[in-house]
Amino acid sequence: MAKSQKAPAHLRPATQKWWKSVLADFDLEDHHLRLLQLAAEAWDQAQGAREVLDKDGQTFTDRFGQPKERPEVGILQNARIAFARLLRELALDGVDAPEAPRMSRTRDYGRRA
């Protein structure tokens, strides 16, 4: 259905290639294309933040001489989370989307052996 859809021009070339591979492998509805675009944009945003962090490091020294975290650290973290959630919504790995059972969060969440 969405096979003829072109990758958005603002995406990085590698991300455009990924976009095309997803459309070649999956039959996406129009609303899935919007999620795919958001996922691709989140990936590009994460890559941009990663490039800055690789070049400049994770911290900088403010005018008072105190180390501060670069804004790109938060950008990278948020973009990674968004990308992972959007991929889960798209169910590109073959697992049913939101209907698939997920472990519920409990008080001991994360402390299981």
C-alpha atoms as a PDB file:
ATOM      1  CA  MET A   1       0.000   0.000   0.000  1.00  0.00           C
ATOM      2  CA  ALA A   2       2.747   2.451   0.976  1.00  0.00           C
ATOM      3  CA  LYS A   3       5.444   0.981  -1.290  1.00  0.00           C
ATOM      4  CA  SER A   4       5.620   4.101  -3.471  1.00  0.00           C
ATOM      5  CA  GLN A   5       6.142   6.410  -0.503  1.00  0.00           C
ATOM      6  CA  LYS A   6       9.485   8.195  -0.718  1.00  0.00           C
ATOM      7  CA  ALA A   7      11.689   8.708   2.306  1.00  0.00           C
ATOM      8  CA  PRO A   8      11.503  12.264   3.672  1.00  0.00           C
ATOM      9  CA  ALA A   9      14.279  14.388   2.168  1.00  0.00           C
ATOM     10  CA  HIS A  10      15.434  15.722   5.545  1.00  0.00           C
ATOM     11  CA  LEU A  11      16.536  12.275   6.740  1.00  0.00           C
ATOM     12  CA  ARG A  12      20.177  11.248   6.592  1.00  0.00           C
ATOM     13  CA  PRO A  13      21.104   9.042   3.622  1.00  0.00           C
ATOM     14  CA  ALA A  14      21.609   5.955   5.807  1.00  0.00           C
ATOM     15  CA  THR A  15      18.239   6.531   7.448  1.00  0.00           C
ATOM     16  CA  GLN A  16      16.586   6.967   4.052  1.00  0.00           C
ATOM     17  CA  LYS A  17      18.075   3.607   3.060  1.00  0.00           C
ATOM     18  CA  TRP A  18      16.617   2.039   6.218  1.00  0.00           C
ATOM     19  CA  TRP A  19      13.232   3.649   5.443  1.00  0.00           C
ATOM     20  CA  LYS A  20      13.253   2.059   1.987  1.00  0.00           C
ATOM     21  CA  SER A  21      14.210  -1.353   3.380  1.00  0.00           C
ATOM     22  CA  VAL A  22      11.341  -1.220   5.873  1.00  0.00           C
ATOM     23  CA  LEU A  23       8.860  -0.362   3.115  1.00  0.00           C
ATOM     24  CA  ALA A  24      10.241  -3.193   0.982  1.00  0.00           C
ATOM     25  CA  ASP A  25       9.803  -5.715   3.794  1.00  0.00           C
ATOM     26  CA  PHE A  26       6.531  -4.570   5.382  1.00  0.00           C
ATOM     27  CA  ASP A  27       3.090  -3.556   4.163  1.00  0.00           C
ATOM     28  CA  LEU A  28       2.447  -0.384   6.142  1.00  0.00           C
ATOM     29  CA  GLU A  29      -0.744   1.632   6.392  1.00  0.00           C
ATOM     30  CA  ASP A  30      -0.681   5.435   6.198  1.00  0.00           C
ATOM     31  CA  HIS A  31      -0.697   5.859   9.977  1.00  0.00           C
ATOM     32  CA  HIS A  32       2.268   3.467  10.209  1.00  0.00           C
ATOM     33  CA  LEU A  33       4.191   5.701   7.811  1.00  0.00           C
ATOM     34  CA  ARG A  34       3.850   8.557  10.270  1.00  0.00           C
ATOM     35  CA  LEU A  35       5.226   6.373  13.046  1.00  0.00           C
ATOM     36  CA  LEU A  36       8.033   5.249  10.754  1.00  0.00           C
ATOM     37  CA  GLN A  37       8.896   8.864  10.006  1.00  0.00           C
ATOM     38  CA  LEU A  38       8.973   9.717  13.704  1.00  0.00           C
ATOM     39  CA  ALA A  39      11.222   6.710  14.347  1.00  0.00           C
ATOM     40  CA  ALA A  40      13.574   7.728  11.549  1.00  0.00           C
ATOM     41  CA  GLU A  41      13.714  11.304  12.833  1.00  0.00           C
ATOM     42  CA  ALA A  42      14.419  10.062  16.364  1.00  0.00           C
ATOM     43  CA  TRP A  43      17.253   7.911  15.022  1.00  0.00           C
ATOM     44  CA  ASP A  44      18.755  10.863  13.149  1.00  0.00           C
ATOM     45  CA  GLN A  45      18.427  13.060  16.220  1.00  0.00           C
ATOM     46  CA  ALA A  46      20.219  10.454  18.330  1.00  0.00           C
ATOM     47  CA  GLN A  47      22.987  10.183  15.742  1.00  0.00           C
ATOM     48  CA  GLY A  48      23.437  13.957  15.677  1.00  0.00           C
ATOM     49  CA  ALA A  49      23.699  14.100  19.455  1.00  0.00           C
ATOM     50  CA  ARG A  50      26.136  11.168  19.442  1.00  0.00           C
ATOM     51  CA  GLU A  51      28.387  12.984  16.960  1.00  0.00           C
ATOM     52  CA  VAL A  52      28.530  16.080  19.172  1.00  0.00           C
ATOM     53  CA  LEU A  53      29.254  13.986  22.264  1.00  0.00           C
ATOM     54  CA  ASP A  54      31.995  12.060  20.468  1.00  0.00           C
ATOM     55  CA  LYS A  55      33.602  15.335  19.432  1.00  0.00           C
ATOM     56  CA  ASP A  56      33.091  17.470  22.551  1.00  0.00           C
ATOM     57  CA  GLY A  57      32.600  14.975  25.389  1.00  0.00           C
ATOM     58  CA  GLN A  58      29.707  14.561  27.794  1.00  0.00           C
ATOM     59  CA  THR A  59      30.459  17.581  29.953  1.00  0.00           C
ATOM     60  CA  PHE A  60      31.592  21.177  29.663  1.00  0.00           C
ATOM     61  CA  THR A  61      32.814  23.686  32.205  1.00  0.00           C
ATOM     62  CA  ASP A  62      30.405  26.504  32.972  1.00  0.00           C
ATOM     63  CA  ARG A  63      31.428  30.108  33.685  1.00  0.00           C
ATOM     64  CA  PHE A  64      31.909  29.265  37.359  1.00  0.00           C
ATOM     65  CA  GLY A  65      34.320  26.447  36.568  1.00  0.00           C
ATOM     66  CA  GLN A  66      31.819  23.713  37.395  1.00  0.00           C
ATOM     67  CA  PRO A  67      31.372  20.677  35.138  1.00  0.00           C
ATOM     68  CA  LYS A  68      27.938  20.491  33.524  1.00  0.00           C
ATOM     69  CA  GLU A  69      26.299  17.820  31.414  1.00  0.00           C
ATOM     70  CA  ARG A  70      25.938  18.727  27.761  1.00  0.00           C
ATOM     71  CA  PRO A  71      22.351  19.087  26.508  1.00  0.00           C
ATOM     72  CA  GLU A  72      23.113  16.451  23.882  1.00  0.00           C
ATOM     73  CA  VAL A  73      23.233  13.790  26.613  1.00  0.00           C
ATOM     74  CA  GLY A  74      19.521  14.294  27.275  1.00  0.00           C
ATOM     75  CA  ILE A  75      18.754  14.625  23.578  1.00  0.00           C
ATOM     76  CA  LEU A  76      20.479  11.296  22.911  1.00  0.00           C
ATOM     77  CA  GLN A  77      18.670   9.563  25.747  1.00  0.00           C
ATOM     78  CA  ASN A  78      15.246  10.888  24.761  1.00  0.00           C
ATOM     79  CA  ALA A  79      15.760  10.068  21.091  1.00  0.00           C
ATOM     80  CA  ARG A  80      16.823   6.509  21.914  1.00  0.00           C
ATOM     81  CA  ILE A  81      13.750   5.980  24.064  1.00  0.00           C
ATOM     82  CA  ALA A  82      11.469   7.442  21.399  1.00  0.00           C
ATOM     83  CA  PHE A  83      13.045   5.284  18.690  1.00  0.00           C
ATOM     84  CA  ALA A  84      12.660   2.096  20.740  1.00  0.00           C
ATOM     85  CA  ARG A  85       9.042   2.860  21.594  1.00  0.00           C
ATOM     86  CA  LEU A  86       8.158   3.684  18.007  1.00  0.00           C
ATOM     87  CA  LEU A  87       9.740   0.458  16.781  1.00  0.00           C
ATOM     88  CA  ARG A  88       7.695  -1.437  19.344  1.00  0.00           C
ATOM     89  CA  GLU A  89       4.530   0.295  18.107  1.00  0.00           C
ATOM     90  CA  LEU A  90       5.360  -0.577  14.515  1.00  0.00           C
ATOM     91  CA  ALA A  91       6.079  -4.199  15.522  1.00  0.00           C
ATOM     92  CA  LEU A  92       8.741  -4.522  12.845  1.00  0.00           C
ATOM     93  CA  ASP A  93      10.295  -7.510  14.579  1.00  0.00           C
ATOM     94  CA  GLY A  94       7.219  -9.651  14.013  1.00  0.00           C
ATOM     95  CA  VAL A  95       5.802  -9.373  17.528  1.00  0.00           C
ATOM     96  CA  ASP A  96       2.245  -8.152  17.700  1.00  0.00           C
ATOM     97  CA  ALA A  97       2.110  -4.498  18.624  1.00  0.00           C
ATOM     98  CA  PRO A  98       0.321  -3.192  21.726  1.00  0.00           C
ATOM     99  CA  GLU A  99      -1.787  -6.340  22.122  1.00  0.00           C
ATOM    100  CA  ALA A 100       1.296  -8.425  22.974  1.00  0.00           C
ATOM    101  CA  PRO A 101       1.504  -9.132  26.694  1.00  0.00           C
ATOM    102  CA  ARG A 102       4.083  -7.107  28.553  1.00  0.00           C
ATOM    103  CA  MET A 103       5.374  -7.621  32.056  1.00  0.00           C
ATOM    104  CA  SER A 104       3.513  -5.369  34.425  1.00  0.00           C
ATOM    105  CA  ARG A 105       5.370  -2.932  36.616  1.00  0.00           C
ATOM    106  CA  THR A 106       5.315  -3.845  40.253  1.00  0.00           C
ATOM    107  CA  ARG A 107       7.065  -2.557  43.355  1.00  0.00           C
ATOM    108  CA  ASP A 108       9.914  -4.987  42.811  1.00  0.00           C
ATOM    109  CA  TYR A 109      10.209  -4.192  39.085  1.00  0.00           C
ATOM    110  CA  GLY A 110      13.847  -4.426  38.068  1.00  0.00           C
ATOM    111  CA  ARG A 111      14.891  -6.416  41.145  1.00  0.00           C
ATOM    112  CA  ARG A 112      13.855  -9.838  39.922  1.00  0.00           C
ATOM    113  CA  ALA A 113      16.474 -12.566  39.993  1.00  0.00           C
END
